[in-house]
N, C-alpha and C. Protein backbone atom coordinates (compact mmCIF):
# COMPACT_ATOMS: atom_id res chain seq x y z
N MET A 1 135.61 157.49 62.59
CA MET A 1 134.40 158.27 62.42
C MET A 1 134.78 159.72 62.17
N PRO A 2 134.10 160.40 61.27
CA PRO A 2 134.44 161.78 60.93
C PRO A 2 133.93 162.77 61.99
N PHE A 3 134.66 163.86 62.14
CA PHE A 3 134.24 164.92 63.05
C PHE A 3 133.87 166.14 62.21
N ALA A 4 132.79 166.80 62.60
CA ALA A 4 132.33 167.98 61.88
C ALA A 4 132.57 169.22 62.72
N LEU A 5 132.84 170.33 62.07
CA LEU A 5 132.94 171.60 62.78
C LEU A 5 131.55 172.02 63.22
N ARG A 6 131.46 172.62 64.40
CA ARG A 6 130.17 173.07 64.91
C ARG A 6 130.05 174.57 64.74
N TYR A 7 128.87 175.00 64.33
CA TYR A 7 128.62 176.43 64.12
C TYR A 7 127.55 176.93 65.07
N HIS A 8 127.48 176.34 66.26
CA HIS A 8 126.52 176.76 67.26
C HIS A 8 127.16 176.58 68.64
N TYR A 9 126.62 177.30 69.63
CA TYR A 9 127.16 177.24 70.98
C TYR A 9 126.84 175.91 71.64
N ARG A 10 127.79 175.41 72.43
CA ARG A 10 127.60 174.23 73.27
C ARG A 10 127.85 174.69 74.71
N PHE A 11 127.05 174.17 75.63
CA PHE A 11 127.16 174.60 77.02
C PHE A 11 127.39 173.40 77.94
N PRO A 12 128.33 173.53 78.86
CA PRO A 12 128.51 172.46 79.85
C PRO A 12 127.36 172.50 80.85
N VAL A 13 126.84 171.35 81.18
CA VAL A 13 125.75 171.22 82.15
C VAL A 13 125.94 169.91 82.90
N PHE A 14 125.15 169.72 83.91
CA PHE A 14 125.02 168.41 84.54
C PHE A 14 123.53 168.23 84.78
N SER A 15 122.89 167.48 83.89
CA SER A 15 121.44 167.28 83.95
C SER A 15 121.13 165.80 83.87
N LEU A 16 120.03 165.42 84.47
CA LEU A 16 119.60 164.03 84.42
C LEU A 16 119.01 163.69 83.05
N VAL A 17 119.22 162.44 82.61
CA VAL A 17 118.66 161.98 81.35
C VAL A 17 118.18 160.54 81.51
N LYS A 18 117.05 160.27 80.90
CA LYS A 18 116.55 158.90 80.72
C LYS A 18 116.49 158.71 79.21
N TYR A 19 117.04 157.61 78.72
CA TYR A 19 117.02 157.40 77.29
C TYR A 19 116.66 155.96 76.96
N GLU A 20 116.04 155.78 75.81
CA GLU A 20 115.54 154.47 75.42
C GLU A 20 115.98 154.14 74.00
N ARG A 21 116.42 152.89 73.83
CA ARG A 21 116.77 152.37 72.52
C ARG A 21 116.12 151.00 72.42
N GLY A 22 115.18 150.87 71.52
CA GLY A 22 114.47 149.59 71.40
C GLY A 22 113.81 149.23 72.72
N GLU A 23 114.12 148.06 73.23
CA GLU A 23 113.56 147.58 74.50
C GLU A 23 114.35 148.05 75.71
N GLY A 24 115.54 148.64 75.50
CA GLY A 24 116.41 149.02 76.60
C GLY A 24 116.20 150.44 77.08
N THR A 25 116.41 150.64 78.38
CA THR A 25 116.32 151.96 78.99
C THR A 25 117.61 152.24 79.76
N GLY A 26 118.14 153.44 79.58
CA GLY A 26 119.34 153.85 80.28
C GLY A 26 119.10 155.12 81.08
N TYR A 27 119.90 155.30 82.11
CA TYR A 27 119.84 156.49 82.95
C TYR A 27 121.24 157.06 83.07
N GLY A 28 121.34 158.36 83.10
CA GLY A 28 122.65 158.97 83.21
C GLY A 28 122.57 160.47 83.31
N SER A 29 123.55 161.14 82.69
CA SER A 29 123.61 162.59 82.76
C SER A 29 124.01 163.19 81.42
N VAL A 30 123.51 164.40 81.21
CA VAL A 30 123.92 165.22 80.07
C VAL A 30 125.04 166.10 80.58
N THR A 31 126.17 166.12 79.88
CA THR A 31 127.29 166.94 80.33
C THR A 31 127.58 168.11 79.40
N ASN A 32 126.86 168.15 78.28
CA ASN A 32 127.09 169.18 77.28
C ASN A 32 125.84 169.24 76.41
N LEU A 33 125.36 170.42 76.07
CA LEU A 33 124.18 170.51 75.21
C LEU A 33 124.27 171.69 74.27
N SER A 34 123.51 171.60 73.20
CA SER A 34 123.36 172.68 72.23
C SER A 34 121.95 172.60 71.68
N SER A 35 121.62 173.48 70.77
CA SER A 35 120.30 173.44 70.15
C SER A 35 120.15 172.23 69.24
N LEU A 36 121.27 171.61 68.86
CA LEU A 36 121.22 170.50 67.91
C LEU A 36 121.65 169.16 68.49
N GLY A 37 122.16 169.14 69.73
CA GLY A 37 122.63 167.86 70.22
C GLY A 37 123.01 167.83 71.68
N TRP A 38 123.38 166.62 72.12
CA TRP A 38 123.62 166.33 73.52
C TRP A 38 124.83 165.43 73.67
N ARG A 39 125.60 165.64 74.71
CA ARG A 39 126.64 164.70 75.10
C ARG A 39 126.16 164.05 76.38
N ILE A 40 125.99 162.73 76.34
CA ILE A 40 125.48 162.04 77.51
C ILE A 40 126.43 160.93 77.94
N SER A 41 126.27 160.56 79.18
CA SER A 41 126.97 159.42 79.76
C SER A 41 125.93 158.65 80.53
N GLY A 42 125.87 157.32 80.31
CA GLY A 42 124.82 156.58 80.98
C GLY A 42 125.02 155.09 81.06
N SER A 43 124.00 154.45 81.60
CA SER A 43 124.06 153.04 81.93
C SER A 43 123.79 152.10 80.75
N LEU A 44 123.16 152.58 79.71
CA LEU A 44 122.85 151.75 78.53
C LEU A 44 123.82 152.12 77.41
N PRO A 45 124.72 151.22 77.04
CA PRO A 45 125.67 151.54 75.98
C PRO A 45 124.97 151.81 74.64
N LEU A 46 125.42 152.85 73.96
CA LEU A 46 124.91 153.18 72.64
C LEU A 46 126.07 153.13 71.66
N GLU A 47 125.76 152.86 70.40
CA GLU A 47 126.78 152.78 69.37
C GLU A 47 126.48 153.77 68.26
N TYR A 48 127.52 154.11 67.51
CA TYR A 48 127.38 155.02 66.37
C TYR A 48 126.23 154.54 65.48
N GLY A 49 125.32 155.45 65.15
CA GLY A 49 124.20 155.15 64.28
C GLY A 49 122.93 154.73 64.99
N ASP A 50 123.02 154.39 66.29
CA ASP A 50 121.81 154.02 67.03
C ASP A 50 120.83 155.19 67.06
N VAL A 51 119.56 154.86 67.15
CA VAL A 51 118.50 155.85 67.29
C VAL A 51 117.86 155.64 68.66
N CYS A 52 117.64 156.73 69.37
CA CYS A 52 117.07 156.62 70.72
C CYS A 52 116.14 157.80 70.99
N ALA A 53 115.39 157.70 72.08
CA ALA A 53 114.56 158.78 72.58
C ALA A 53 115.15 159.25 73.90
N LEU A 54 115.04 160.55 74.20
CA LEU A 54 115.62 161.12 75.42
C LEU A 54 114.58 161.90 76.20
N LYS A 55 114.71 161.86 77.51
CA LYS A 55 113.96 162.73 78.40
C LYS A 55 115.01 163.39 79.29
N VAL A 56 115.17 164.71 79.14
CA VAL A 56 116.25 165.44 79.81
C VAL A 56 115.65 166.48 80.77
N ARG A 57 116.22 166.53 81.96
CA ARG A 57 115.82 167.57 82.92
C ARG A 57 116.84 168.69 82.82
N LEU A 58 116.41 169.84 82.35
CA LEU A 58 117.29 171.00 82.24
C LEU A 58 117.63 171.55 83.63
N PRO A 59 118.71 172.30 83.75
CA PRO A 59 119.05 172.91 85.05
C PRO A 59 117.95 173.83 85.59
N THR A 60 117.02 174.25 84.75
CA THR A 60 115.89 175.08 85.18
C THR A 60 114.75 174.23 85.74
N ASN A 61 114.97 172.92 85.86
CA ASN A 61 113.98 171.94 86.33
C ASN A 61 112.83 171.73 85.35
N GLN A 62 112.98 172.15 84.12
CA GLN A 62 112.01 171.86 83.08
C GLN A 62 112.47 170.61 82.33
N TRP A 63 111.50 169.83 81.84
CA TRP A 63 111.81 168.61 81.10
C TRP A 63 111.72 168.86 79.61
N VAL A 64 112.63 168.22 78.88
CA VAL A 64 112.66 168.27 77.42
C VAL A 64 112.60 166.84 76.92
N TRP A 65 111.71 166.59 75.95
CA TRP A 65 111.58 165.27 75.36
C TRP A 65 112.07 165.29 73.92
N VAL A 66 113.00 164.43 73.61
CA VAL A 66 113.49 164.26 72.25
C VAL A 66 112.93 162.94 71.75
N ALA A 67 112.03 163.01 70.76
CA ALA A 67 111.40 161.80 70.25
C ALA A 67 112.38 160.92 69.49
N GLU A 68 113.34 161.56 68.81
CA GLU A 68 114.33 160.80 68.05
C GLU A 68 115.66 161.51 68.06
N GLY A 69 116.68 160.80 68.49
CA GLY A 69 118.05 161.29 68.45
C GLY A 69 118.93 160.24 67.82
N LYS A 70 119.95 160.67 67.10
CA LYS A 70 120.85 159.74 66.42
C LYS A 70 122.25 159.87 67.01
N VAL A 71 122.84 158.73 67.36
CA VAL A 71 124.17 158.71 67.94
C VAL A 71 125.19 159.03 66.85
N ARG A 72 125.94 160.10 67.04
CA ARG A 72 126.95 160.55 66.07
C ARG A 72 128.34 160.07 66.41
N TRP A 73 128.59 159.80 67.69
CA TRP A 73 129.85 159.21 68.13
C TRP A 73 129.62 158.53 69.47
N ALA A 74 130.42 157.54 69.77
CA ALA A 74 130.32 156.84 71.04
C ALA A 74 131.71 156.42 71.48
N TYR A 75 131.97 156.57 72.78
CA TYR A 75 133.25 156.17 73.35
C TYR A 75 132.99 155.74 74.78
N GLY A 76 133.03 154.44 75.03
CA GLY A 76 132.73 153.93 76.36
C GLY A 76 131.30 154.23 76.74
N GLU A 77 131.13 154.84 77.91
CA GLU A 77 129.78 155.19 78.38
C GLU A 77 129.29 156.52 77.84
N GLU A 78 130.14 157.26 77.13
CA GLU A 78 129.76 158.57 76.60
C GLU A 78 129.41 158.49 75.13
N CYS A 79 128.51 159.38 74.72
CA CYS A 79 128.18 159.48 73.30
C CYS A 79 127.61 160.86 72.99
N GLY A 80 127.64 161.21 71.73
CA GLY A 80 127.06 162.45 71.24
C GLY A 80 125.81 162.12 70.45
N ILE A 81 124.72 162.78 70.78
CA ILE A 81 123.44 162.49 70.14
C ILE A 81 122.93 163.74 69.44
N GLU A 82 122.66 163.61 68.15
CA GLU A 82 122.07 164.68 67.36
C GLU A 82 120.56 164.64 67.52
N THR A 83 119.96 165.79 67.79
CA THR A 83 118.50 165.87 67.88
C THR A 83 117.93 165.80 66.47
N VAL A 84 117.09 164.79 66.23
CA VAL A 84 116.46 164.62 64.93
C VAL A 84 115.00 165.07 64.99
N MET A 85 114.28 164.66 66.05
CA MET A 85 112.87 165.02 66.17
C MET A 85 112.55 165.42 67.61
N ILE A 86 112.03 166.64 67.77
CA ILE A 86 111.69 167.17 69.10
C ILE A 86 110.39 167.95 68.96
N ASP A 87 109.50 167.84 69.96
CA ASP A 87 108.23 168.55 69.88
C ASP A 87 108.43 170.05 70.10
N LYS A 88 107.45 170.84 69.71
CA LYS A 88 107.58 172.30 69.76
C LYS A 88 107.77 172.83 71.18
N THR A 89 107.07 172.26 72.14
CA THR A 89 107.19 172.72 73.52
C THR A 89 108.59 172.48 74.05
N SER A 90 109.12 171.29 73.80
CA SER A 90 110.47 170.97 74.26
C SER A 90 111.50 171.84 73.55
N GLN A 91 111.33 172.08 72.26
CA GLN A 91 112.26 172.93 71.52
C GLN A 91 112.24 174.35 72.08
N ALA A 92 111.04 174.84 72.41
CA ALA A 92 110.92 176.18 73.00
C ALA A 92 111.63 176.25 74.35
N ARG A 93 111.47 175.23 75.19
CA ARG A 93 112.15 175.21 76.49
C ARG A 93 113.66 175.19 76.32
N LEU A 94 114.15 174.37 75.39
CA LEU A 94 115.58 174.29 75.14
C LEU A 94 116.11 175.61 74.62
N ASN A 95 115.42 176.21 73.66
CA ASN A 95 115.83 177.50 73.11
C ASN A 95 115.86 178.59 74.19
N GLU A 96 114.86 178.59 75.06
CA GLU A 96 114.80 179.57 76.14
C GLU A 96 115.99 179.41 77.08
N TYR A 97 116.33 178.18 77.41
CA TYR A 97 117.48 177.91 78.26
C TYR A 97 118.78 178.40 77.60
N ILE A 98 118.95 178.07 76.33
CA ILE A 98 120.15 178.46 75.60
C ILE A 98 120.26 179.98 75.48
N GLN A 99 119.14 180.65 75.19
CA GLN A 99 119.15 182.11 75.09
C GLN A 99 119.55 182.75 76.41
N ALA A 100 119.06 182.20 77.52
CA ALA A 100 119.44 182.74 78.83
C ALA A 100 120.94 182.55 79.08
N ARG A 101 121.49 181.41 78.67
CA ARG A 101 122.92 181.17 78.84
C ARG A 101 123.74 182.12 77.95
N LEU A 102 123.25 182.38 76.73
CA LEU A 102 123.96 183.30 75.83
C LEU A 102 123.99 184.71 76.41
N LYS A 103 122.87 185.14 76.99
CA LYS A 103 122.81 186.48 77.58
C LYS A 103 123.77 186.61 78.76
N ALA A 104 124.01 185.49 79.45
CA ALA A 104 124.90 185.51 80.62
C ALA A 104 126.38 185.56 80.23
N LEU A 105 126.69 185.31 78.96
CA LEU A 105 128.09 185.32 78.53
C LEU A 105 128.70 186.70 78.51
């Protein structure tokens, strides 16, 4: 699988995630996030190309809903998910969290 260079900040976190693919539901944690994607580890195995929905609890205790995410890589219980479709409120919460982290650098 090809790897792409990233042109945006990624932040280490430990946040709860619930994710769904078809009829399956998985629970786990987000260990890395950016404005465009997520690194998760969880109970429901995902494969490259899978499409799923995510519900993530940010460290600020706010929830973010991703209506559609695409698996860009998978290795064991971990995978990288690109955000494809996210509602405006969730995007605003994510952006606010990222901006606060950038200011702290």
